Amino acid sequence: MASSALIFLLCSFLLSATIKPSGGSIAELPLVRNISELPQDNHGRQGLSHITVAGSVLHGMNEVEVWLQTFSPGSHTPIHRHSCEEIFVVLKGGGTLYLASNSHKFPGKPQEYPIYTNSTFHIPLNDAHQVWNTNEHEDLQTLVIISRPPVKVFMYKDWFMPHAAAKLKFPYYWDEQWLETPPKDEL
């Protein structure tokens, strides 16, 4: 226990000695990027605005990736699953999360979960899901954190489509311009 505390103090000292605040800092930590200046795109998906806040391919992240996504009223993700965990935090608006089991044969009948501002959801590894903005008057804005980037996505036409017929989309839309050689599929 004492050695853990000593290691923590040593790491804290080394970090404080090596990290120098840049021009725009908050509480003496460097400001990495201003989100309002990051490029956003719908990547060919109507009703979506996507910003990669911190990404594996674009920013050199190894374990997680962070996205800011806004869905206009009536828009939704495709039914999909991926070989990573996902946390999403609803920043604005509301809608419905459809979540099915992690059966590898086909997604199966999903359960419905209402989503609303200030709620957080965890999508387990390989569970098929779909997010809908069912609010007719307000955008749905989410902060999404995924593990094991870059994400490999299997998309389904319906909840009972066999997994063997699902379309693998990799690299995913927002990673296409950055990835030259896709890694092997792990799902």
Protein backbone atom coordinates (compact mmCIF):
# COMPACT_ATOMS: atom_id res chain seq x y z
CA MET A 1 0.00 0.00 0.00
CA ALA A 2 2.81 2.40 0.90
CA SER A 3 4.65 1.64 -2.35
CA SER A 4 1.48 2.45 -4.36
CA ALA A 5 1.22 5.82 -2.64
CA LEU A 6 4.91 6.49 -3.30
CA ILE A 7 4.53 5.59 -6.99
CA PHE A 8 1.48 7.87 -7.25
CA LEU A 9 3.36 10.79 -5.66
CA LEU A 10 6.38 10.22 -7.89
CA CYS A 11 4.22 10.09 -11.04
CA SER A 12 2.36 13.22 -9.94
CA PHE A 13 5.67 15.05 -9.42
CA LEU A 14 7.06 13.93 -12.79
CA LEU A 15 3.88 14.93 -14.60
CA SER A 16 3.75 18.33 -12.93
CA ALA A 17 7.40 18.88 -13.86
CA THR A 18 6.99 17.87 -17.52
CA ILE A 19 3.55 19.21 -18.46
CA LYS A 20 3.74 22.92 -19.11
CA PRO A 21 0.55 24.93 -19.55
CA SER A 22 0.02 26.28 -23.05
CA GLY A 23 -1.57 29.60 -23.97
CA GLY A 24 -5.17 28.48 -23.34
CA SER A 25 -5.16 26.49 -20.12
CA ILE A 26 -7.77 25.48 -17.60
CA ALA A 27 -6.59 24.95 -14.02
CA GLU A 28 -2.98 24.81 -15.27
CA LEU A 29 -3.60 21.89 -17.66
CA PRO A 30 -2.94 22.42 -21.35
CA LEU A 31 -5.95 23.01 -23.57
CA VAL A 32 -5.66 20.23 -26.12
CA ARG A 33 -8.28 21.43 -28.59
CA ASN A 34 -11.28 23.70 -28.77
CA ILE A 35 -14.30 21.53 -29.68
CA SER A 36 -16.03 24.39 -31.50
CA GLU A 37 -13.10 24.52 -33.94
CA LEU A 38 -13.11 20.79 -34.78
CA PRO A 39 -14.53 19.74 -38.16
CA GLN A 40 -18.01 18.23 -38.17
CA ASP A 41 -19.58 16.17 -40.90
CA ASN A 42 -22.59 13.95 -41.49
CA HIS A 43 -20.50 11.42 -43.48
CA GLY A 44 -23.40 10.86 -45.87
CA ARG A 45 -25.93 10.14 -43.11
CA GLN A 46 -28.86 12.53 -43.18
CA GLY A 47 -29.68 14.16 -39.86
CA LEU A 48 -26.29 13.43 -38.24
CA SER A 49 -23.55 15.79 -37.17
CA HIS A 50 -20.39 13.97 -36.02
CA ILE A 51 -17.24 15.38 -34.42
CA THR A 52 -14.35 13.16 -33.35
CA VAL A 53 -13.27 14.98 -30.18
CA ALA A 54 -10.40 12.58 -29.45
CA GLY A 55 -9.72 9.69 -31.78
CA SER A 56 -7.36 6.80 -32.32
CA VAL A 57 -6.55 7.42 -35.94
CA LEU A 58 -6.76 11.20 -35.95
CA HIS A 59 -5.21 11.98 -32.54
CA GLY A 60 -3.21 8.86 -31.63
CA MET A 61 -5.49 7.53 -28.87
CA ASN A 62 -4.97 3.82 -28.07
CA GLU A 63 -7.71 2.71 -25.68
CA VAL A 64 -10.71 5.05 -26.12
CA GLU A 65 -12.26 7.39 -28.63
CA VAL A 66 -14.65 10.29 -27.90
CA TRP A 67 -17.32 11.59 -30.29
CA LEU A 68 -19.86 14.39 -30.13
CA GLN A 69 -22.91 13.46 -32.19
CA THR A 70 -26.11 15.38 -32.87
CA PHE A 71 -29.19 13.73 -34.40
CA SER A 72 -31.94 15.89 -35.90
CA PRO A 73 -35.58 14.99 -35.09
CA GLY A 74 -36.53 11.63 -36.63
CA SER A 75 -32.96 10.58 -37.43
CA HIS A 76 -31.29 7.43 -36.13
CA THR A 77 -28.28 5.15 -36.30
CA PRO A 78 -28.49 1.95 -38.33
CA ILE A 79 -29.10 -1.28 -36.40
CA HIS A 80 -25.51 -2.24 -35.65
CA ARG A 81 -23.02 -3.93 -33.34
CA HIS A 82 -19.30 -3.56 -32.85
CA SER A 83 -16.46 -5.30 -31.08
CA CYS A 84 -16.05 -2.58 -28.48
CA GLU A 85 -17.93 -1.20 -25.51
CA GLU A 86 -19.76 2.10 -25.82
CA ILE A 87 -20.89 4.65 -23.29
CA PHE A 88 -23.09 7.47 -24.39
CA VAL A 89 -24.17 10.48 -22.39
CA VAL A 90 -27.26 12.36 -23.52
CA LEU A 91 -26.40 16.06 -23.40
CA LYS A 92 -29.59 17.40 -24.99
CA GLY A 93 -32.94 16.07 -26.14
CA GLY A 94 -34.34 12.58 -25.92
CA GLY A 95 -35.32 9.51 -27.85
CA THR A 96 -35.20 5.73 -27.70
CA LEU A 97 -32.38 3.22 -27.41
CA TYR A 98 -33.12 -0.22 -28.86
CA LEU A 99 -30.80 -2.87 -27.42
CA ALA A 100 -30.69 -6.58 -28.36
CA SER A 101 -28.65 -9.48 -27.01
CA ASN A 102 -25.15 -10.32 -28.12
CA SER A 103 -26.24 -13.40 -30.07
CA HIS A 104 -23.84 -13.96 -32.95
CA LYS A 105 -26.55 -15.59 -35.10
CA PHE A 106 -28.72 -12.44 -35.41
CA PRO A 107 -29.54 -9.50 -33.14
CA GLY A 108 -33.05 -10.65 -32.12
CA LYS A 109 -35.94 -8.67 -30.68
CA PRO A 110 -34.61 -5.54 -28.95
CA GLN A 111 -35.68 -4.04 -25.64
CA GLU A 112 -36.68 -0.36 -25.67
CA TYR A 113 -35.13 2.17 -23.31
CA PRO A 114 -36.23 5.80 -23.20
CA ILE A 115 -33.28 8.19 -23.32
CA TYR A 116 -33.37 11.77 -22.11
CA THR A 117 -31.07 14.65 -21.21
CA ASN A 118 -28.50 13.86 -18.50
CA SER A 119 -28.88 10.08 -18.86
CA THR A 120 -25.97 7.73 -19.52
CA PHE A 121 -26.06 4.32 -21.20
CA HIS A 122 -23.55 1.48 -21.50
CA ILE A 123 -23.70 -0.68 -24.63
CA PRO A 124 -21.95 -3.99 -23.83
CA LEU A 125 -19.43 -5.57 -26.16
CA ASN A 126 -21.11 -7.03 -29.29
CA ASP A 127 -24.70 -6.08 -28.34
CA ALA A 128 -26.75 -4.93 -31.32
CA HIS A 129 -28.35 -1.52 -30.85
CA GLN A 130 -29.94 1.48 -32.50
CA VAL A 131 -30.47 5.06 -31.29
CA TRP A 132 -33.49 7.06 -32.49
CA ASN A 133 -34.25 10.74 -31.94
CA THR A 134 -37.99 10.34 -31.48
CA ASN A 135 -38.42 13.96 -30.37
CA GLU A 136 -40.19 15.90 -33.12
CA HIS A 137 -38.95 19.34 -32.05
CA GLU A 138 -35.44 19.05 -30.59
CA ASP A 139 -32.06 17.65 -31.59
CA LEU A 140 -30.62 14.71 -29.67
CA GLN A 141 -27.00 15.40 -28.73
CA THR A 142 -24.75 12.70 -27.26
CA LEU A 143 -21.18 12.39 -26.08
CA VAL A 144 -20.00 8.90 -27.05
CA ILE A 145 -16.99 7.06 -25.63
CA ILE A 146 -15.91 3.79 -27.27
CA SER A 147 -13.22 1.30 -26.32
CA ARG A 148 -10.77 -0.46 -28.64
CA PRO A 149 -10.72 2.09 -31.47
CA PRO A 150 -10.91 2.35 -34.40
CA VAL A 151 -14.43 0.93 -34.41
CA LYS A 152 -15.47 -1.95 -36.70
CA VAL A 153 -19.23 -1.90 -37.29
CA PHE A 154 -21.59 -4.64 -38.51
CA MET A 155 -24.85 -3.17 -39.86
CA TYR A 156 -28.18 -4.99 -40.17
CA LYS A 157 -31.28 -4.27 -42.30
CA ASP A 158 -33.57 -5.56 -39.52
CA TRP A 159 -33.39 -7.20 -36.10
CA PHE A 160 -33.63 -10.74 -37.48
CA MET A 161 -31.09 -10.46 -40.30
CA PRO A 162 -28.49 -13.27 -39.95
CA HIS A 163 -25.11 -12.05 -38.76
CA ALA A 164 -23.48 -13.73 -41.77
CA ALA A 165 -25.46 -11.32 -44.01
CA ALA A 166 -24.60 -8.17 -42.00
CA LYS A 167 -22.45 -5.58 -43.73
CA LEU A 168 -19.05 -4.91 -42.12
CA LYS A 169 -18.20 -1.22 -42.36
CA PHE A 170 -14.52 -0.75 -41.62
CA PRO A 171 -12.96 1.64 -41.56
CA TYR A 172 -16.04 3.44 -40.32
CA TYR A 173 -17.13 6.61 -42.10
CA TRP A 174 -15.20 9.07 -39.94
CA ASP A 175 -12.00 7.00 -40.07
CA GLU A 176 -11.99 6.33 -43.85
CA GLN A 177 -9.77 9.24 -44.79
CA TRP A 178 -7.21 8.42 -42.09
CA LEU A 179 -6.84 4.61 -42.25
CA GLU A 180 -4.86 3.26 -45.18
CA THR A 181 -4.67 -0.43 -44.22
CA PRO A 182 -7.56 -1.78 -42.11
CA PRO A 183 -6.59 -4.20 -39.31
CA LYS A 184 -8.12 -7.69 -39.26
CA ASP A 185 -11.71 -8.13 -38.02
CA GLU A 186 -12.02 -9.35 -34.41
CA LEU A 187 -15.76 -10.01 -34.11
